[in-house]
Amino acid sequence: MNTAFAGLSGCDDLSTIAETPAVGMSTDIQPIFDTHCTACHGPPDPIAFMDLTHGAQDIVAVPSFQIPELNRVEPGTVSMSYLFFKINCNGQLSGNRMPRDAPPLNLTDQALIRDWINQMLIFKDGFEP
């Protein structure tokens, strides 16, 4: 893990959850965001300027609002994806664990997000799982 994340604590261990192949944004990840995140990270005024109702466009290869040196989601690299640490760890680089004022995402949902980020490839016309 990058030294930027050395101060993080209380991260959930997902090592026993097998990788789910071919995780898709619209089929697997967007439903998690819709259920747990878009009440705060959606129109009309998304917190931290991160609208999670538009799929990947506001999060993939986009600098985080709190720590601009880190992308919200770094394609193919969960260990450098700020969004993942916001949902996976209690001790934060900035702010609170997400979702705010709610229980953490279950381990299965966290693992799906992990797998989606790690499986992400860069294509000429955008990002695909």
C-alpha atoms as a PDB file:
ATOM      1  CA  MET A   1       0.000   0.000   0.000  1.00  0.00           C
ATOM      2  CA  ASN A   2       1.202   3.519  -0.774  1.00  0.00           C
ATOM      3  CA  THR A   3       2.673   5.447   2.131  1.00  0.00           C
ATOM      4  CA  ALA A   4      -0.028   8.087   1.622  1.00  0.00           C
ATOM      5  CA  PHE A   5      -2.370   5.588   3.240  1.00  0.00           C
ATOM      6  CA  ALA A   6      -0.089   4.652   6.124  1.00  0.00           C
ATOM      7  CA  GLY A   7      -2.277   6.537   8.613  1.00  0.00           C
ATOM      8  CA  LEU A   8      -5.412   4.597   7.786  1.00  0.00           C
ATOM      9  CA  SER A   9      -6.813   2.254  10.395  1.00  0.00           C
ATOM     10  CA  GLY A  10      -9.769  -0.024  10.866  1.00  0.00           C
ATOM     11  CA  CYS A  11      -9.916  -1.207   7.277  1.00  0.00           C
ATOM     12  CA  ASP A  12     -12.152  -4.184   6.594  1.00  0.00           C
ATOM     13  CA  ASP A  13     -10.285  -7.313   5.516  1.00  0.00           C
ATOM     14  CA  LEU A  14     -11.602  -8.440   2.150  1.00  0.00           C
ATOM     15  CA  SER A  15      -8.841 -10.973   1.493  1.00  0.00           C
ATOM     16  CA  THR A  16     -11.122 -13.970   2.054  1.00  0.00           C
ATOM     17  CA  ILE A  17     -13.688 -12.763  -0.493  1.00  0.00           C
ATOM     18  CA  ALA A  18     -12.931 -14.224  -3.894  1.00  0.00           C
ATOM     19  CA  GLU A  19     -12.781 -11.907  -6.884  1.00  0.00           C
ATOM     20  CA  THR A  20     -16.011 -11.581  -8.819  1.00  0.00           C
ATOM     21  CA  PRO A  21     -15.181 -11.707 -12.527  1.00  0.00           C
ATOM     22  CA  ALA A  22     -16.438  -9.098 -15.015  1.00  0.00           C
ATOM     23  CA  VAL A  23     -17.870  -6.600 -12.526  1.00  0.00           C
ATOM     24  CA  GLY A  24     -19.832  -3.954 -14.404  1.00  0.00           C
ATOM     25  CA  MET A  25     -20.572  -0.360 -13.485  1.00  0.00           C
ATOM     26  CA  SER A  26     -24.231  -0.348 -14.501  1.00  0.00           C
ATOM     27  CA  THR A  27     -25.043  -3.894 -13.406  1.00  0.00           C
ATOM     28  CA  ASP A  28     -23.076  -4.231 -10.160  1.00  0.00           C
ATOM     29  CA  ILE A  29     -21.707  -0.906  -8.899  1.00  0.00           C
ATOM     30  CA  GLN A  30     -24.402   1.640  -9.754  1.00  0.00           C
ATOM     31  CA  PRO A  31     -27.042  -0.275  -7.732  1.00  0.00           C
ATOM     32  CA  ILE A  32     -24.747  -0.060  -4.664  1.00  0.00           C
ATOM     33  CA  PHE A  33     -24.295   3.677  -5.200  1.00  0.00           C
ATOM     34  CA  ASP A  34     -28.037   4.149  -5.765  1.00  0.00           C
ATOM     35  CA  THR A  35     -28.894   2.329  -2.527  1.00  0.00           C
ATOM     36  CA  HIS A  36     -26.216   3.767  -0.236  1.00  0.00           C
ATOM     37  CA  CYS A  37     -24.644   6.901  -1.718  1.00  0.00           C
ATOM     38  CA  THR A  38     -26.745   9.017  -4.056  1.00  0.00           C
ATOM     39  CA  ALA A  39     -28.904  10.598  -1.345  1.00  0.00           C
ATOM     40  CA  CYS A  40     -25.825  12.706  -0.506  1.00  0.00           C
ATOM     41  CA  HIS A  41     -23.755  12.280  -3.676  1.00  0.00           C
ATOM     42  CA  GLY A  42     -26.478  13.120  -6.174  1.00  0.00           C
ATOM     43  CA  PRO A  43     -28.487  16.036  -7.543  1.00  0.00           C
ATOM     44  CA  PRO A  44     -29.114  18.810  -6.982  1.00  0.00           C
ATOM     45  CA  ASP A  45     -25.975  19.571  -4.927  1.00  0.00           C
ATOM     46  CA  PRO A  46     -23.714  16.526  -4.512  1.00  0.00           C
ATOM     47  CA  ILE A  47     -21.400  16.570  -1.513  1.00  0.00           C
ATOM     48  CA  ALA A  48     -17.727  17.071  -2.432  1.00  0.00           C
ATOM     49  CA  PHE A  49     -18.877  17.754  -6.007  1.00  0.00           C
ATOM     50  CA  MET A  50     -19.113  13.995  -6.539  1.00  0.00           C
ATOM     51  CA  ASP A  51     -22.311  12.969  -8.295  1.00  0.00           C
ATOM     52  CA  LEU A  52     -22.626   9.181  -8.156  1.00  0.00           C
ATOM     53  CA  THR A  53     -25.749   9.103 -10.338  1.00  0.00           C
ATOM     54  CA  HIS A  54     -23.756   9.430 -13.592  1.00  0.00           C
ATOM     55  CA  GLY A  55     -21.846   6.174 -13.511  1.00  0.00           C
ATOM     56  CA  ALA A  56     -18.079   6.436 -13.732  1.00  0.00           C
ATOM     57  CA  GLN A  57     -17.759   9.902 -15.288  1.00  0.00           C
ATOM     58  CA  ASP A  58     -17.422  11.842 -12.015  1.00  0.00           C
ATOM     59  CA  ILE A  59     -15.157   9.367 -10.260  1.00  0.00           C
ATOM     60  CA  VAL A  60     -12.758   7.558 -12.618  1.00  0.00           C
ATOM     61  CA  ALA A  61      -9.438   9.365 -13.081  1.00  0.00           C
ATOM     62  CA  VAL A  62     -10.937  12.435 -11.350  1.00  0.00           C
ATOM     63  CA  PRO A  63      -8.981  14.021  -8.477  1.00  0.00           C
ATOM     64  CA  SER A  64     -10.643  13.714  -5.089  1.00  0.00           C
ATOM     65  CA  PHE A  65     -11.988  16.939  -3.611  1.00  0.00           C
ATOM     66  CA  GLN A  66     -10.299  16.380  -0.248  1.00  0.00           C
ATOM     67  CA  ILE A  67      -6.908  15.172  -1.509  1.00  0.00           C
ATOM     68  CA  PRO A  68      -6.484  16.237  -5.149  1.00  0.00           C
ATOM     69  CA  GLU A  69      -3.216  14.308  -5.480  1.00  0.00           C
ATOM     70  CA  LEU A  70      -5.313  11.116  -5.338  1.00  0.00           C
ATOM     71  CA  ASN A  71      -7.959  10.185  -7.854  1.00  0.00           C
ATOM     72  CA  ARG A  72     -11.361   9.173  -6.587  1.00  0.00           C
ATOM     73  CA  VAL A  73     -10.886   5.979  -8.577  1.00  0.00           C
ATOM     74  CA  GLU A  74      -7.535   5.094 -10.087  1.00  0.00           C
ATOM     75  CA  PRO A  75      -8.281   2.613 -12.904  1.00  0.00           C
ATOM     76  CA  GLY A  76      -6.848  -0.816 -12.123  1.00  0.00           C
ATOM     77  CA  THR A  77      -5.383   0.233  -8.756  1.00  0.00           C
ATOM     78  CA  VAL A  78      -7.635  -0.069  -5.726  1.00  0.00           C
ATOM     79  CA  SER A  79      -4.688   0.763  -3.444  1.00  0.00           C
ATOM     80  CA  MET A  80      -4.572   4.270  -4.970  1.00  0.00           C
ATOM     81  CA  SER A  81      -8.333   4.874  -5.165  1.00  0.00           C
ATOM     82  CA  TYR A  82      -9.556   7.379  -2.586  1.00  0.00           C
ATOM     83  CA  LEU A  83     -13.198   6.313  -2.904  1.00  0.00           C
ATOM     84  CA  PHE A  84     -12.327   2.748  -1.903  1.00  0.00           C
ATOM     85  CA  PHE A  85     -10.649   3.885   1.311  1.00  0.00           C
ATOM     86  CA  LYS A  86     -13.653   6.074   2.129  1.00  0.00           C
ATOM     87  CA  ILE A  87     -15.897   2.986   2.111  1.00  0.00           C
ATOM     88  CA  ASN A  88     -13.396   0.443   3.477  1.00  0.00           C
ATOM     89  CA  CYS A  89     -11.610   2.123   6.409  1.00  0.00           C
ATOM     90  CA  ASN A  90     -12.660   3.743   9.695  1.00  0.00           C
ATOM     91  CA  GLY A  91      -9.503   5.855  10.124  1.00  0.00           C
ATOM     92  CA  GLN A  92      -9.585   8.351   7.276  1.00  0.00           C
ATOM     93  CA  LEU A  93      -7.219  10.558   5.353  1.00  0.00           C
ATOM     94  CA  SER A  94      -9.992  13.160   5.411  1.00  0.00           C
ATOM     95  CA  GLY A  95     -13.503  13.227   6.841  1.00  0.00           C
ATOM     96  CA  ASN A  96     -15.618  10.243   7.823  1.00  0.00           C
ATOM     97  CA  ARG A  97     -16.089   6.728   6.570  1.00  0.00           C
ATOM     98  CA  MET A  98     -18.837   6.444   3.985  1.00  0.00           C
ATOM     99  CA  PRO A  99     -21.712   6.161   3.937  1.00  0.00           C
ATOM    100  CA  ARG A 100     -21.934   8.923   6.510  1.00  0.00           C
ATOM    101  CA  ASP A 101     -24.233   8.334   9.491  1.00  0.00           C
ATOM    102  CA  ALA A 102     -24.979   4.794   8.324  1.00  0.00           C
ATOM    103  CA  PRO A 103     -23.451   1.355   8.793  1.00  0.00           C
ATOM    104  CA  PRO A 104     -20.503   0.550   6.514  1.00  0.00           C
ATOM    105  CA  LEU A 105     -21.212  -1.192   3.240  1.00  0.00           C
ATOM    106  CA  ASN A 106     -21.317  -4.943   3.667  1.00  0.00           C
ATOM    107  CA  LEU A 107     -18.154  -6.817   2.764  1.00  0.00           C
ATOM    108  CA  THR A 108     -19.667  -8.245  -0.410  1.00  0.00           C
ATOM    109  CA  ASP A 109     -20.462  -4.761  -1.755  1.00  0.00           C
ATOM    110  CA  GLN A 110     -17.008  -3.503  -0.760  1.00  0.00           C
ATOM    111  CA  ALA A 111     -15.433  -6.456  -2.574  1.00  0.00           C
ATOM    112  CA  LEU A 112     -17.475  -5.742  -5.712  1.00  0.00           C
ATOM    113  CA  ILE A 113     -16.210  -2.152  -5.730  1.00  0.00           C
ATOM    114  CA  ARG A 114     -12.662  -3.434  -5.155  1.00  0.00           C
ATOM    115  CA  ASP A 115     -12.993  -5.864  -8.051  1.00  0.00           C
ATOM    116  CA  TRP A 116     -14.533  -3.257 -10.365  1.00  0.00           C
ATOM    117  CA  ILE A 117     -11.642  -0.851  -9.738  1.00  0.00           C
ATOM    118  CA  ASN A 118      -8.992  -3.556 -10.124  1.00  0.00           C
ATOM    119  CA  GLN A 119     -10.569  -4.882 -13.325  1.00  0.00           C
ATOM    120  CA  MET A 120     -10.984  -1.492 -14.946  1.00  0.00           C
ATOM    121  CA  LEU A 121      -9.221  -1.016 -18.254  1.00  0.00           C
ATOM    122  CA  ILE A 122      -8.669   2.179 -20.171  1.00  0.00           C
ATOM    123  CA  PHE A 123     -10.197   2.293 -23.641  1.00  0.00           C
ATOM    124  CA  LYS A 124      -9.884   4.987 -26.264  1.00  0.00           C
ATOM    125  CA  ASP A 125     -13.486   6.123 -25.791  1.00  0.00           C
ATOM    126  CA  GLY A 126     -13.638   5.886 -22.006  1.00  0.00           C
ATOM    127  CA  PHE A 127     -13.516   3.434 -19.167  1.00  0.00           C
ATOM    128  CA  GLU A 128     -15.018  -0.028 -19.128  1.00  0.00           C
ATOM    129  CA  PRO A 129     -14.926  -2.863 -16.618  1.00  0.00           C
END
